[in-house]
């Protein structure tokens, strides 16, 4: 089946269908907005999606939160799933503990035992928590919760104030156990553009070994259908 778009080119009919006459057929792309929908994203729309925070803290907003403030917010917003002290409720994940368990058969990958960056904790709480109402917390509340969870894992003291300057400076216990360089070997071959024949030789072949059926005639000798 052929489809034609805004073109007066000749079409010839046959008993077998439709074919194009031997006339050049060109269709130019329509201008933006031709189809009548879509519009450029506004700065506000882009800002709503641009919420990621890098390991070095790039993307953290203004604001701050203390450990004590985070404890109160955690009790009302988070403890029903994660427990009052991050110990986890039911099958909901633990947020604290698990030190030294990563080499065991059942490691506990908590914020304190596994996570490499404190800024990632802010990012995750901001975009995904609480589970029943993600992105409903203010930036100050997220900072406070981040401070509290870090304190639960004995990473920061009780007087710690989380903000865009202090959070990237927090060193997580498991940071140095991550591999930051790709350990896989480089296997890309340089493309040979001339005098390459000697670099590739055929040392063996399936020809004459009755291994595969012939693709151009009857089956190879010794192979039955």
N, C-alpha and C. Protein backbone atom coordinates (compact mmCIF):
# COMPACT_ATOMS: atom_id res chain seq x y z
N UNK A 1 0.85 -1.19 0.00
CA UNK A 1 0.00 0.00 0.00
C UNK A 1 0.88 1.24 0.00
N UNK A 2 0.49 2.20 -0.81
CA UNK A 2 1.22 3.45 -0.89
C UNK A 2 0.35 4.56 -0.31
N UNK A 3 0.97 5.52 0.32
CA UNK A 3 0.24 6.70 0.78
C UNK A 3 0.85 7.92 0.13
N UNK A 4 0.04 8.87 -0.27
CA UNK A 4 0.51 10.03 -1.00
C UNK A 4 0.10 11.28 -0.23
N UNK A 5 1.00 12.23 -0.20
CA UNK A 5 0.75 13.42 0.61
C UNK A 5 0.96 14.68 -0.21
N UNK A 6 -0.14 15.35 -0.50
CA UNK A 6 -0.10 16.66 -1.16
C UNK A 6 0.77 16.63 -2.41
N UNK A 7 0.55 15.68 -3.27
CA UNK A 7 1.36 15.60 -4.48
C UNK A 7 0.47 15.27 -5.68
N UNK A 8 0.63 15.98 -6.79
CA UNK A 8 -0.18 15.71 -7.98
C UNK A 8 0.46 14.69 -8.90
N UNK A 9 1.46 13.91 -8.42
CA UNK A 9 2.16 12.98 -9.29
C UNK A 9 1.19 11.96 -9.88
N UNK A 10 1.57 11.44 -11.04
CA UNK A 10 0.72 10.51 -11.75
C UNK A 10 0.68 9.17 -11.05
N UNK A 11 -0.48 8.56 -11.06
CA UNK A 11 -0.66 7.23 -10.50
C UNK A 11 -1.30 6.38 -11.57
N UNK A 12 -0.76 5.20 -11.79
CA UNK A 12 -1.31 4.30 -12.79
C UNK A 12 -1.88 3.09 -12.10
N UNK A 13 -3.05 2.64 -12.54
CA UNK A 13 -3.71 1.49 -11.95
C UNK A 13 -3.51 0.27 -12.81
N UNK A 14 -3.37 -0.86 -12.18
CA UNK A 14 -3.28 -2.14 -12.89
C UNK A 14 -4.21 -3.10 -12.19
N UNK A 15 -4.34 -4.27 -12.79
CA UNK A 15 -5.20 -5.27 -12.18
C UNK A 15 -4.60 -5.79 -10.88
N UNK A 16 -3.35 -5.57 -10.68
CA UNK A 16 -2.68 -6.10 -9.49
C UNK A 16 -2.53 -5.07 -8.39
N UNK A 17 -2.89 -3.84 -8.60
CA UNK A 17 -2.74 -2.86 -7.55
C UNK A 17 -2.41 -1.49 -8.12
N UNK A 18 -1.59 -0.76 -7.41
CA UNK A 18 -1.24 0.60 -7.77
C UNK A 18 0.27 0.74 -7.81
N UNK A 19 0.77 1.44 -8.82
CA UNK A 19 2.20 1.70 -8.85
C UNK A 19 2.42 3.14 -9.29
N UNK A 20 3.56 3.67 -8.94
CA UNK A 20 3.90 5.04 -9.29
C UNK A 20 4.46 5.09 -10.69
N UNK A 21 4.09 6.12 -11.41
CA UNK A 21 4.71 6.34 -12.71
C UNK A 21 6.15 6.77 -12.50
N UNK A 22 6.93 6.66 -13.54
CA UNK A 22 8.37 6.96 -13.42
C UNK A 22 8.60 8.46 -13.41
N UNK A 23 7.99 9.11 -12.43
CA UNK A 23 8.15 10.55 -12.25
C UNK A 23 8.75 10.76 -10.87
N UNK A 24 9.77 11.59 -10.74
CA UNK A 24 10.37 11.81 -9.41
C UNK A 24 9.31 12.20 -8.39
N UNK A 25 9.40 11.62 -7.19
CA UNK A 25 8.39 11.83 -6.15
C UNK A 25 9.08 12.36 -4.91
N UNK A 26 8.81 13.57 -4.53
CA UNK A 26 9.45 14.18 -3.38
C UNK A 26 8.37 14.79 -2.48
N UNK A 27 8.56 14.64 -1.16
CA UNK A 27 7.67 15.25 -0.18
C UNK A 27 8.53 16.00 0.82
N UNK A 28 8.34 17.29 0.95
CA UNK A 28 9.12 18.09 1.89
C UNK A 28 8.50 18.03 3.27
N UNK A 29 9.36 18.09 4.30
CA UNK A 29 8.87 18.11 5.68
C UNK A 29 8.07 19.37 5.94
N UNK A 30 6.97 19.20 6.67
CA UNK A 30 6.15 20.36 6.98
C UNK A 30 6.80 21.21 8.06
N UNK A 31 6.44 22.47 8.11
CA UNK A 31 6.98 23.38 9.10
C UNK A 31 6.45 23.05 10.49
N UNK A 32 7.21 23.46 11.51
CA UNK A 32 6.80 23.24 12.89
C UNK A 32 5.42 23.83 13.14
N UNK A 33 4.56 23.07 13.79
CA UNK A 33 3.22 23.55 14.09
C UNK A 33 2.20 23.22 13.02
N UNK A 34 2.62 22.59 11.91
CA UNK A 34 1.70 22.31 10.82
C UNK A 34 0.54 21.42 11.25
N UNK A 35 0.85 20.45 12.13
CA UNK A 35 -0.18 19.48 12.51
C UNK A 35 -1.11 20.02 13.59
N UNK A 36 -0.86 21.20 14.10
CA UNK A 36 -1.82 21.84 14.97
C UNK A 36 -1.76 21.43 16.43
N UNK A 37 -0.70 20.77 16.88
CA UNK A 37 -0.59 20.45 18.30
C UNK A 37 0.86 20.56 18.74
N UNK A 38 1.06 20.67 20.03
CA UNK A 38 2.40 20.83 20.56
C UNK A 38 2.81 22.29 20.61
N UNK A 39 3.64 22.61 21.60
CA UNK A 39 4.15 23.97 21.73
C UNK A 39 5.44 23.92 22.53
N UNK A 40 6.30 24.91 22.40
CA UNK A 40 7.55 24.91 23.15
C UNK A 40 7.29 24.86 24.65
N UNK A 41 8.13 24.10 25.36
CA UNK A 41 8.00 24.01 26.81
C UNK A 41 8.37 25.34 27.45
N UNK A 42 7.61 25.74 28.46
CA UNK A 42 7.89 26.98 29.16
C UNK A 42 8.98 26.75 30.21
N UNK A 43 9.54 27.84 30.69
CA UNK A 43 10.56 27.72 31.74
C UNK A 43 10.00 27.04 32.97
N UNK A 44 8.75 27.30 33.30
CA UNK A 44 8.11 26.69 34.47
C UNK A 44 7.96 25.18 34.27
N UNK A 45 7.57 24.77 33.07
CA UNK A 45 7.43 23.34 32.80
C UNK A 45 8.77 22.63 32.87
N UNK A 46 9.81 23.24 32.33
CA UNK A 46 11.15 22.64 32.38
C UNK A 46 11.63 22.53 33.82
N UNK A 47 11.38 23.57 34.61
CA UNK A 47 11.81 23.56 36.00
C UNK A 47 11.13 22.45 36.79
N UNK A 48 9.89 22.11 36.43
CA UNK A 48 9.18 21.05 37.14
C UNK A 48 9.81 19.68 36.91
N UNK A 49 10.45 19.50 35.77
CA UNK A 49 11.13 18.24 35.46
C UNK A 49 12.60 18.27 35.85
N UNK A 50 13.19 19.43 35.90
CA UNK A 50 14.62 19.55 36.16
C UNK A 50 14.88 19.54 37.67
N UNK A 51 14.73 18.36 38.31
CA UNK A 51 14.85 18.26 39.75
C UNK A 51 16.00 17.37 40.19
N UNK A 52 16.82 16.90 39.26
CA UNK A 52 17.90 16.00 39.64
C UNK A 52 18.99 16.74 40.39
N UNK A 53 19.65 16.01 41.29
CA UNK A 53 20.76 16.55 42.06
C UNK A 53 21.98 15.68 41.83
N UNK A 54 23.08 16.29 41.46
CA UNK A 54 24.31 15.55 41.16
C UNK A 54 25.04 15.17 42.44
N UNK A 55 25.96 14.20 42.36
CA UNK A 55 26.74 13.82 43.54
C UNK A 55 27.51 14.97 44.18
N UNK A 56 27.92 15.95 43.37
CA UNK A 56 28.67 17.07 43.93
C UNK A 56 27.76 18.16 44.50
N UNK A 57 26.46 17.90 44.52
CA UNK A 57 25.52 18.87 45.08
C UNK A 57 24.90 19.80 44.07
N UNK A 58 25.35 19.79 42.84
CA UNK A 58 24.75 20.63 41.82
C UNK A 58 23.27 20.29 41.68
N UNK A 59 22.43 21.29 41.77
CA UNK A 59 20.99 21.09 41.70
C UNK A 59 20.29 21.23 43.03
N UNK A 60 21.05 21.23 44.13
CA UNK A 60 20.42 21.44 45.44
C UNK A 60 19.86 22.85 45.53
N UNK A 61 18.66 23.01 46.05
CA UNK A 61 18.05 24.34 46.12
C UNK A 61 18.44 25.06 47.40
N UNK A 62 17.97 26.29 47.52
CA UNK A 62 18.13 27.02 48.76
C UNK A 62 17.26 26.38 49.83
N UNK A 63 17.60 26.61 51.08
CA UNK A 63 16.83 26.04 52.17
C UNK A 63 17.74 25.32 53.15
N UNK A 64 17.16 24.84 54.23
CA UNK A 64 17.93 24.12 55.25
C UNK A 64 17.00 23.35 56.15
N UNK A 65 17.59 22.41 56.91
CA UNK A 65 16.80 21.63 57.85
C UNK A 65 17.71 21.00 58.88
N UNK A 66 17.22 20.89 60.13
CA UNK A 66 18.01 20.32 61.21
C UNK A 66 17.59 18.88 61.51
N UNK A 67 18.40 18.22 62.32
CA UNK A 67 18.09 16.85 62.71
C UNK A 67 16.80 16.80 63.52
N UNK A 68 16.63 17.72 64.46
CA UNK A 68 15.42 17.73 65.29
C UNK A 68 14.17 17.99 64.45
N UNK A 69 14.26 18.89 63.50
CA UNK A 69 13.12 19.14 62.62
C UNK A 69 12.80 17.89 61.81
N UNK A 70 13.85 17.23 61.35
CA UNK A 70 13.64 16.02 60.56
C UNK A 70 13.01 14.90 61.36
N UNK A 71 13.34 14.81 62.65
CA UNK A 71 12.75 13.77 63.50
C UNK A 71 11.24 13.91 63.59
N UNK A 72 10.76 15.14 63.75
CA UNK A 72 9.32 15.37 63.83
C UNK A 72 8.62 15.04 62.51
N UNK A 73 9.23 15.45 61.41
CA UNK A 73 8.64 15.16 60.09
C UNK A 73 8.66 13.67 59.81
N UNK A 74 9.75 13.02 60.17
CA UNK A 74 9.89 11.59 59.93
C UNK A 74 8.81 10.81 60.67
N UNK A 75 8.52 11.22 61.88
CA UNK A 75 7.53 10.50 62.69
C UNK A 75 6.15 10.54 62.04
N UNK A 76 5.80 11.66 61.44
CA UNK A 76 4.47 11.79 60.84
C UNK A 76 4.40 11.32 59.39
N UNK A 77 5.50 11.44 58.65
CA UNK A 77 5.47 11.16 57.21
C UNK A 77 6.12 9.82 56.83
N UNK A 78 7.03 9.31 57.65
CA UNK A 78 7.87 8.20 57.20
C UNK A 78 7.85 6.97 58.10
N UNK A 79 7.57 7.15 59.39
CA UNK A 79 7.75 6.06 60.35
C UNK A 79 6.81 4.89 60.13
N UNK A 80 5.64 5.13 59.52
CA UNK A 80 4.70 4.03 59.31
C UNK A 80 5.28 2.96 58.38
N UNK A 81 6.20 3.35 57.52
CA UNK A 81 6.84 2.39 56.62
C UNK A 81 8.26 2.03 57.08
N UNK A 82 9.00 3.03 57.52
CA UNK A 82 10.42 2.82 57.81
C UNK A 82 10.74 2.67 59.29
N UNK A 83 9.72 2.77 60.17
CA UNK A 83 9.97 2.69 61.60
C UNK A 83 10.50 4.00 62.14
N UNK A 84 10.35 4.20 63.43
CA UNK A 84 10.75 5.47 64.03
C UNK A 84 12.23 5.74 63.94
N UNK A 85 13.03 4.67 63.86
CA UNK A 85 14.48 4.83 63.82
C UNK A 85 15.10 4.23 62.55
N UNK A 86 14.29 4.16 61.50
CA UNK A 86 14.79 3.67 60.23
C UNK A 86 15.02 2.18 60.19
N UNK A 87 14.43 1.44 61.12
CA UNK A 87 14.64 0.00 61.18
C UNK A 87 13.78 -0.78 60.20
N UNK A 88 12.82 -0.13 59.56
CA UNK A 88 11.97 -0.77 58.58
C UNK A 88 10.78 -1.45 59.22
N UNK A 89 9.63 -1.34 58.56
CA UNK A 89 8.41 -1.98 59.04
C UNK A 89 7.94 -2.98 57.99
N UNK A 90 7.70 -4.21 58.41
CA UNK A 90 7.26 -5.23 57.47
C UNK A 90 8.31 -5.43 56.37
N UNK A 91 7.87 -5.32 55.15
CA UNK A 91 8.78 -5.50 54.02
C UNK A 91 9.28 -4.17 53.45
N UNK A 92 8.97 -3.06 54.12
CA UNK A 92 9.50 -1.77 53.69
C UNK A 92 10.99 -1.69 54.04
N UNK A 93 11.78 -1.01 53.24
CA UNK A 93 13.24 -1.05 53.41
C UNK A 93 13.74 -0.36 54.67
N UNK A 94 14.83 -0.90 55.19
CA UNK A 94 15.53 -0.28 56.30
C UNK A 94 16.33 0.90 55.79
N UNK A 95 16.42 1.93 56.59
CA UNK A 95 17.21 3.11 56.23
C UNK A 95 18.49 3.20 57.04
N UNK A 96 18.56 2.50 58.15
CA UNK A 96 19.73 2.57 59.00
C UNK A 96 20.21 1.17 59.36
N UNK A 97 21.42 1.10 59.90
CA UNK A 97 22.00 -0.19 60.25
C UNK A 97 22.68 -0.84 59.06
N UNK A 98 22.98 -2.12 59.20
CA UNK A 98 23.58 -2.88 58.11
C UNK A 98 25.07 -2.72 57.97
N UNK A 99 25.72 -2.05 58.91
CA UNK A 99 27.17 -1.85 58.80
C UNK A 99 27.89 -3.20 58.77
N UNK A 100 28.80 -3.37 57.82
CA UNK A 100 29.57 -4.59 57.72
C UNK A 100 28.83 -5.77 57.12
N UNK A 101 27.63 -5.56 56.59
CA UNK A 101 26.84 -6.68 56.08
C UNK A 101 26.95 -6.88 54.57
N UNK A 102 27.66 -6.02 53.87
CA UNK A 102 27.67 -6.07 52.41
C UNK A 102 28.33 -7.32 51.86
N UNK A 103 29.19 -7.96 52.63
CA UNK A 103 29.86 -9.18 52.16
C UNK A 103 29.11 -10.44 52.59
N UNK A 104 28.01 -10.28 53.29
CA UNK A 104 27.24 -11.43 53.74
C UNK A 104 26.29 -11.90 52.65
N UNK A 105 25.68 -13.07 52.87
CA UNK A 105 24.75 -13.62 51.89
C UNK A 105 23.53 -12.73 51.71
N UNK A 106 23.11 -12.07 52.78
CA UNK A 106 21.96 -11.16 52.71
C UNK A 106 22.38 -9.78 53.20
N UNK A 107 23.04 -9.02 52.36
CA UNK A 107 23.50 -7.69 52.77
C UNK A 107 22.33 -6.74 52.99
N UNK A 108 22.48 -5.83 53.92
CA UNK A 108 21.49 -4.79 54.17
C UNK A 108 22.02 -3.49 53.57
N UNK A 109 21.50 -3.12 52.44
CA UNK A 109 21.97 -1.93 51.73
C UNK A 109 21.18 -0.71 52.18
N UNK A 110 21.55 -0.22 53.34
CA UNK A 110 20.89 0.96 53.89
C UNK A 110 21.63 2.22 53.46
N UNK A 111 21.08 3.37 53.86
CA UNK A 111 21.75 4.64 53.57
C UNK A 111 23.13 4.66 54.20
N UNK A 112 23.24 4.15 55.42
CA UNK A 112 24.52 4.20 56.11
C UNK A 112 25.52 3.15 55.66
N UNK A 113 25.03 1.97 55.26
CA UNK A 113 25.95 0.89 54.92
C UNK A 113 26.35 0.87 53.45
N UNK A 114 25.54 1.50 52.58
CA UNK A 114 25.76 1.30 51.14
C UNK A 114 25.87 2.58 50.33
N UNK A 115 25.01 3.56 50.57
CA UNK A 115 24.91 4.71 49.68
C UNK A 115 26.21 5.50 49.63
N UNK A 116 26.62 5.96 48.45
CA UNK A 116 27.90 6.67 48.32
C UNK A 116 27.84 8.18 48.51
N UNK A 117 26.64 8.79 48.32
CA UNK A 117 26.55 10.25 48.37
C UNK A 117 25.35 10.69 49.22
N UNK A 118 25.57 11.70 50.04
CA UNK A 118 24.47 12.27 50.83
C UNK A 118 23.51 13.05 49.95
N UNK A 119 24.01 13.67 48.90
CA UNK A 119 23.14 14.45 48.01
C UNK A 119 22.13 13.55 47.29
N UNK A 120 22.49 12.29 47.08
CA UNK A 120 21.56 11.34 46.46
C UNK A 120 20.38 11.07 47.38
N UNK A 121 20.62 11.09 48.69
CA UNK A 121 19.53 10.91 49.65
C UNK A 121 18.53 12.05 49.53
N UNK A 122 19.02 13.29 49.44
CA UNK A 122 18.12 14.43 49.26
C UNK A 122 17.32 14.28 47.97
N UNK A 123 17.99 13.89 46.90
CA UNK A 123 17.35 13.73 45.60
C UNK A 123 16.22 12.71 45.68
N UNK A 124 16.48 11.58 46.32
CA UNK A 124 15.48 10.51 46.35
C UNK A 124 14.28 10.89 47.21
N UNK A 125 14.54 11.45 48.39
CA UNK A 125 13.43 11.88 49.24
C UNK A 125 12.59 12.92 48.51
N UNK A 126 13.24 13.84 47.85
CA UNK A 126 12.53 14.92 47.16
C UNK A 126 11.64 14.41 46.04
N UNK A 127 12.12 13.49 45.24
CA UNK A 127 11.36 13.07 44.06
C UNK A 127 10.40 11.91 44.34
N UNK A 128 10.61 11.14 45.40
CA UNK A 128 9.83 9.91 45.53
C UNK A 128 9.13 9.71 46.88
N UNK A 129 9.41 10.53 47.86
CA UNK A 129 8.84 10.33 49.19
C UNK A 129 7.96 11.51 49.59
N UNK A 130 6.98 11.25 50.48
CA UNK A 130 6.56 9.93 51.00
C UNK A 130 5.90 9.10 49.90
N UNK A 131 5.87 7.82 50.12
CA UNK A 131 5.43 6.88 49.09
C UNK A 131 4.03 7.21 48.58
N UNK A 132 3.15 7.65 49.46
CA UNK A 132 1.76 7.90 49.08
C UNK A 132 1.54 9.30 48.50
N UNK A 133 2.55 10.18 48.60
CA UNK A 133 2.41 11.54 48.08
C UNK A 133 3.76 12.08 47.66
N UNK A 134 4.40 11.51 46.65
CA UNK A 134 5.74 11.96 46.25
C UNK A 134 5.74 13.42 45.80
N UNK A 135 6.83 14.11 46.10
CA UNK A 135 7.06 15.51 45.75
C UNK A 135 6.08 16.46 46.45
N UNK A 136 5.55 16.03 47.58
CA UNK A 136 4.66 16.89 48.35
C UNK A 136 5.40 17.63 49.47
N UNK A 137 6.66 17.28 49.73
CA UNK A 137 7.44 17.91 50.79
C UNK A 137 8.09 19.18 50.29
N UNK A 138 8.25 20.13 51.18
CA UNK A 138 8.98 21.35 50.82
C UNK A 138 10.48 21.07 50.83
N UNK A 139 11.25 21.96 50.24
CA UNK A 139 12.70 21.78 50.22
C UNK A 139 13.28 21.75 51.63
N UNK A 140 12.75 22.61 52.52
CA UNK A 140 13.23 22.62 53.90
C UNK A 140 12.93 21.29 54.60
N UNK A 141 11.75 20.73 54.34
CA UNK A 141 11.41 19.44 54.93
C UNK A 141 12.33 18.33 54.43
N UNK A 142 12.67 18.39 53.15
CA UNK A 142 13.57 17.37 52.60
C UNK A 142 14.95 17.50 53.23
N UNK A 143 15.42 18.71 53.40
CA UNK A 143 16.71 18.92 54.06
C UNK A 143 16.67 18.36 55.49
N UNK A 144 15.57 18.61 56.21
CA UNK A 144 15.46 18.14 57.58
C UNK A 144 15.43 16.61 57.63
N UNK A 145 14.68 15.98 56.75
CA UNK A 145 14.63 14.52 56.72
C UNK A 145 15.98 13.94 56.36
N UNK A 146 16.68 14.56 55.43
CA UNK A 146 18.01 14.10 55.06
C UNK A 146 18.94 14.15 56.26
N UNK A 147 18.89 15.24 57.00
CA UNK A 147 19.74 15.38 58.19
C UNK A 147 19.40 14.31 59.21
N UNK A 148 18.12 14.03 59.40
CA UNK A 148 17.71 13.05 60.40
C UNK A 148 18.16 11.64 60.01
N UNK A 149 17.97 11.26 58.76
CA UNK A 149 18.37 9.92 58.32
C UNK A 149 19.89 9.75 58.42
N UNK A 150 20.64 10.78 58.08
CA UNK A 150 22.09 10.72 58.23
C UNK A 150 22.48 10.57 59.70
N UNK A 151 21.75 11.24 60.57
CA UNK A 151 22.03 11.14 62.00
C UNK A 151 21.67 9.75 62.54
N UNK A 152 20.60 9.16 62.02
CA UNK A 152 20.22 7.80 62.42
C UNK A 152 21.36 6.82 62.13
N UNK A 153 22.14 7.11 61.11
CA UNK A 153 23.25 6.23 60.72
C UNK A 153 24.58 6.69 61.32
N UNK A 154 24.54 7.62 62.25
CA UNK A 154 25.73 8.12 62.94
C UNK A 154 26.75 8.73 61.96
N UNK A 155 26.23 9.32 60.89
CA UNK A 155 27.10 9.95 59.90
C UNK A 155 27.30 11.42 60.22
N UNK A 156 26.29 12.05 60.78
CA UNK A 156 26.39 13.46 61.20
C UNK A 156 25.96 13.56 62.65
N UNK A 157 26.36 14.62 63.31
CA UNK A 157 26.00 14.86 64.71
C UNK A 157 24.58 15.43 64.81
N UNK A 158 24.09 15.48 66.03
CA UNK A 158 22.73 15.94 66.26
C UNK A 158 22.51 17.41 65.97
N UNK A 159 23.58 18.19 65.93
CA UNK A 159 23.43 19.61 65.64
C UNK A 159 23.67 19.94 64.17
N UNK A 160 23.73 18.92 63.34
CA UNK A 160 23.99 19.13 61.91
C UNK A 160 22.83 19.86 61.25
N UNK A 161 23.15 20.82 60.41
CA UNK A 161 22.16 21.54 59.60
C UNK A 161 22.43 21.24 58.14
N UNK A 162 21.49 20.63 57.48
CA UNK A 162 21.65 20.27 56.07
C UNK A 162 21.24 21.43 55.18
N UNK A 163 22.09 21.77 54.23
CA UNK A 163 21.77 22.78 53.22
C UNK A 163 22.65 22.51 52.00
N UNK A 164 22.58 23.38 51.02
CA UNK A 164 23.28 23.14 49.76
C UNK A 164 24.80 23.23 49.91
N UNK A 165 25.29 23.85 50.99
CA UNK A 165 26.73 23.92 51.21
C UNK A 165 27.24 22.75 52.05
N UNK A 166 26.50 22.35 53.08
CA UNK A 166 26.98 21.31 54.00
C UNK A 166 26.77 19.90 53.49
N UNK A 167 25.70 19.68 52.76
CA UNK A 167 25.36 18.31 52.36
C UNK A 167 26.41 17.68 51.44
N UNK A 168 26.92 18.38 50.42
CA UNK A 168 27.93 17.75 49.56
C UNK A 168 29.24 17.43 50.29
N UNK A 169 29.45 18.03 51.45
CA UNK A 169 30.69 17.78 52.19
C UNK A 169 30.62 16.54 53.07
N UNK A 170 29.44 15.97 53.21
CA UNK A 170 29.28 14.77 54.03
C UNK A 170 29.92 13.58 53.32
N UNK A 171 30.80 12.87 54.02
CA UNK A 171 31.46 11.70 53.46
C UNK A 171 30.73 10.46 53.94
N UNK A 172 30.18 9.71 53.01
CA UNK A 172 29.43 8.51 53.35
C UNK A 172 30.38 7.35 53.65
N UNK A 173 30.02 6.46 54.60
CA UNK A 173 30.92 5.38 55.02
C UNK A 173 31.36 4.46 53.89
N UNK A 174 30.50 4.21 52.93
CA UNK A 174 30.82 3.25 51.88
C UNK A 174 31.32 3.90 50.60
N UNK A 175 31.60 5.17 50.64
CA UNK A 175 31.98 5.90 49.42
C UNK A 175 33.19 5.27 48.74
N UNK A 176 34.21 4.91 49.48
CA UNK A 176 35.46 4.44 48.88
C UNK A 176 35.38 3.00 48.39
N UNK A 177 34.29 2.32 48.63
CA UNK A 177 34.16 0.93 48.18
C UNK A 177 33.47 0.82 46.82
N UNK A 178 33.17 1.95 46.21
CA UNK A 178 32.61 1.93 44.86
C UNK A 178 33.74 2.05 43.85
N UNK A 179 33.55 1.42 42.70
CA UNK A 179 34.49 1.53 41.60
C UNK A 179 34.01 2.63 40.66
N UNK A 180 34.77 3.69 40.57
CA UNK A 180 34.34 4.85 39.80
C UNK A 180 34.84 4.83 38.37
N UNK A 181 35.76 3.93 38.03
CA UNK A 181 36.23 3.79 36.66
C UNK A 181 35.72 2.48 36.08
N UNK A 182 35.36 2.51 34.83
CA UNK A 182 34.84 1.33 34.16
C UNK A 182 35.95 0.28 34.08
N UNK A 183 35.79 -0.89 34.73
CA UNK A 183 36.86 -1.90 34.74
C UNK A 183 36.94 -2.73 33.47
N UNK A 184 35.99 -2.57 32.57
CA UNK A 184 35.98 -3.39 31.35
C UNK A 184 37.09 -2.96 30.40
N UNK A 185 37.75 -3.92 29.76
CA UNK A 185 38.83 -3.56 28.84
C UNK A 185 38.31 -2.89 27.58
N UNK A 186 39.15 -2.09 26.97
CA UNK A 186 38.80 -1.46 25.70
C UNK A 186 39.03 -2.47 24.58
N UNK A 187 37.98 -2.81 23.87
CA UNK A 187 38.07 -3.85 22.85
C UNK A 187 37.78 -3.32 21.45
N UNK A 188 37.65 -2.03 21.31
CA UNK A 188 37.39 -1.46 19.99
C UNK A 188 38.62 -1.59 19.10
N UNK A 189 38.43 -2.13 17.92
CA UNK A 189 39.53 -2.25 16.96
C UNK A 189 39.57 -1.00 16.08
N UNK A 190 40.78 -0.58 15.75
CA UNK A 190 40.90 0.53 14.82
C UNK A 190 40.57 0.06 13.41
N UNK A 191 39.79 0.85 12.71
CA UNK A 191 39.35 0.47 11.38
C UNK A 191 40.52 0.54 10.40
N UNK A 192 40.70 -0.52 9.66
CA UNK A 192 41.74 -0.56 8.64
C UNK A 192 41.14 -0.11 7.31
N UNK A 193 41.78 0.86 6.67
CA UNK A 193 41.25 1.43 5.45
C UNK A 193 42.05 1.05 4.21
N UNK A 194 43.26 0.50 4.36
CA UNK A 194 44.05 0.10 3.21
C UNK A 194 45.07 -0.96 3.62
N UNK A 195 45.47 -1.78 2.66
CA UNK A 195 46.46 -2.84 2.90
C UNK A 195 46.08 -3.70 4.09
N UNK A 196 44.83 -4.12 4.12
CA UNK A 196 44.33 -4.84 5.29
C UNK A 196 44.24 -6.35 5.06
N UNK A 197 44.48 -6.79 3.85
CA UNK A 197 44.24 -8.19 3.54
C UNK A 197 45.07 -9.12 4.40
N UNK A 198 46.31 -8.76 4.67
CA UNK A 198 47.17 -9.64 5.44
C UNK A 198 46.75 -9.72 6.91
N UNK A 199 45.94 -8.80 7.35
CA UNK A 199 45.54 -8.79 8.75
C UNK A 199 44.37 -9.72 9.03
N UNK A 200 43.67 -10.18 7.99
CA UNK A 200 42.54 -11.07 8.18
C UNK A 200 42.66 -12.24 7.21
N UNK A 201 42.86 -13.43 7.76
CA UNK A 201 42.98 -14.62 6.95
C UNK A 201 41.99 -15.66 7.43
N UNK A 202 41.52 -16.51 6.52
CA UNK A 202 40.59 -17.58 6.86
C UNK A 202 41.41 -18.82 7.17
N UNK A 203 41.37 -19.28 8.39
CA UNK A 203 42.15 -20.45 8.79
C UNK A 203 41.36 -21.73 8.70
N UNK A 204 40.03 -21.65 8.60
CA UNK A 204 39.23 -22.86 8.52
C UNK A 204 37.92 -22.51 7.84
N UNK A 205 37.22 -23.50 7.35
CA UNK A 205 35.97 -23.29 6.66
C UNK A 205 35.08 -24.51 6.84
N UNK A 206 33.77 -24.28 6.76
CA UNK A 206 32.81 -25.38 6.86
C UNK A 206 32.59 -26.05 5.52
N UNK A 207 33.18 -25.49 4.47
CA UNK A 207 32.97 -26.06 3.13
C UNK A 207 33.48 -27.49 3.06
N UNK A 208 32.63 -28.37 2.50
CA UNK A 208 33.02 -29.75 2.31
C UNK A 208 32.99 -30.60 3.55
N UNK A 209 32.50 -30.08 4.64
CA UNK A 209 32.49 -30.85 5.90
C UNK A 209 31.10 -31.36 6.27
N UNK A 210 30.14 -31.18 5.37
CA UNK A 210 28.79 -31.66 5.60
C UNK A 210 28.19 -31.13 6.91
N UNK A 211 28.48 -29.87 7.17
CA UNK A 211 28.00 -29.29 8.42
C UNK A 211 26.67 -28.57 8.27
N UNK A 212 26.46 -27.93 7.13
CA UNK A 212 25.25 -27.15 6.95
C UNK A 212 24.65 -27.44 5.59
N UNK A 213 23.32 -27.31 5.45
CA UNK A 213 22.70 -27.49 4.13
C UNK A 213 23.17 -26.43 3.16
N UNK A 214 23.18 -26.76 1.91
CA UNK A 214 23.53 -25.78 0.88
C UNK A 214 22.40 -24.77 0.75
N UNK A 215 22.76 -23.55 0.49
CA UNK A 215 21.73 -22.51 0.34
C UNK A 215 21.39 -22.25 -1.12
N UNK A 216 22.09 -22.89 -2.01
CA UNK A 216 21.85 -22.62 -3.44
C UNK A 216 21.46 -23.86 -4.22
N UNK A 217 21.38 -24.98 -3.59
CA UNK A 217 21.05 -26.20 -4.31
C UNK A 217 20.58 -27.27 -3.36
N UNK A 218 20.73 -28.51 -3.74
CA UNK A 218 20.31 -29.60 -2.85
C UNK A 218 21.17 -29.63 -1.58
N UNK A 219 20.71 -30.39 -0.59
CA UNK A 219 21.43 -30.50 0.65
C UNK A 219 22.83 -31.07 0.43
N UNK A 220 23.77 -30.66 1.28
CA UNK A 220 25.11 -31.19 1.18
C UNK A 220 25.08 -32.72 1.30
N UNK A 221 26.09 -33.32 0.72
CA UNK A 221 26.16 -34.77 0.75
C UNK A 221 26.28 -35.26 2.20
N UNK A 222 25.49 -36.24 2.52
CA UNK A 222 25.53 -36.80 3.86
C UNK A 222 24.50 -36.21 4.80
N UNK A 223 23.84 -35.12 4.38
CA UNK A 223 22.81 -34.50 5.22
C UNK A 223 21.45 -34.87 4.62
N UNK A 224 20.61 -35.43 5.43
CA UNK A 224 19.29 -35.84 4.96
C UNK A 224 18.23 -34.95 5.56
N UNK A 225 17.12 -34.85 4.85
CA UNK A 225 16.03 -34.03 5.35
C UNK A 225 15.22 -34.80 6.39
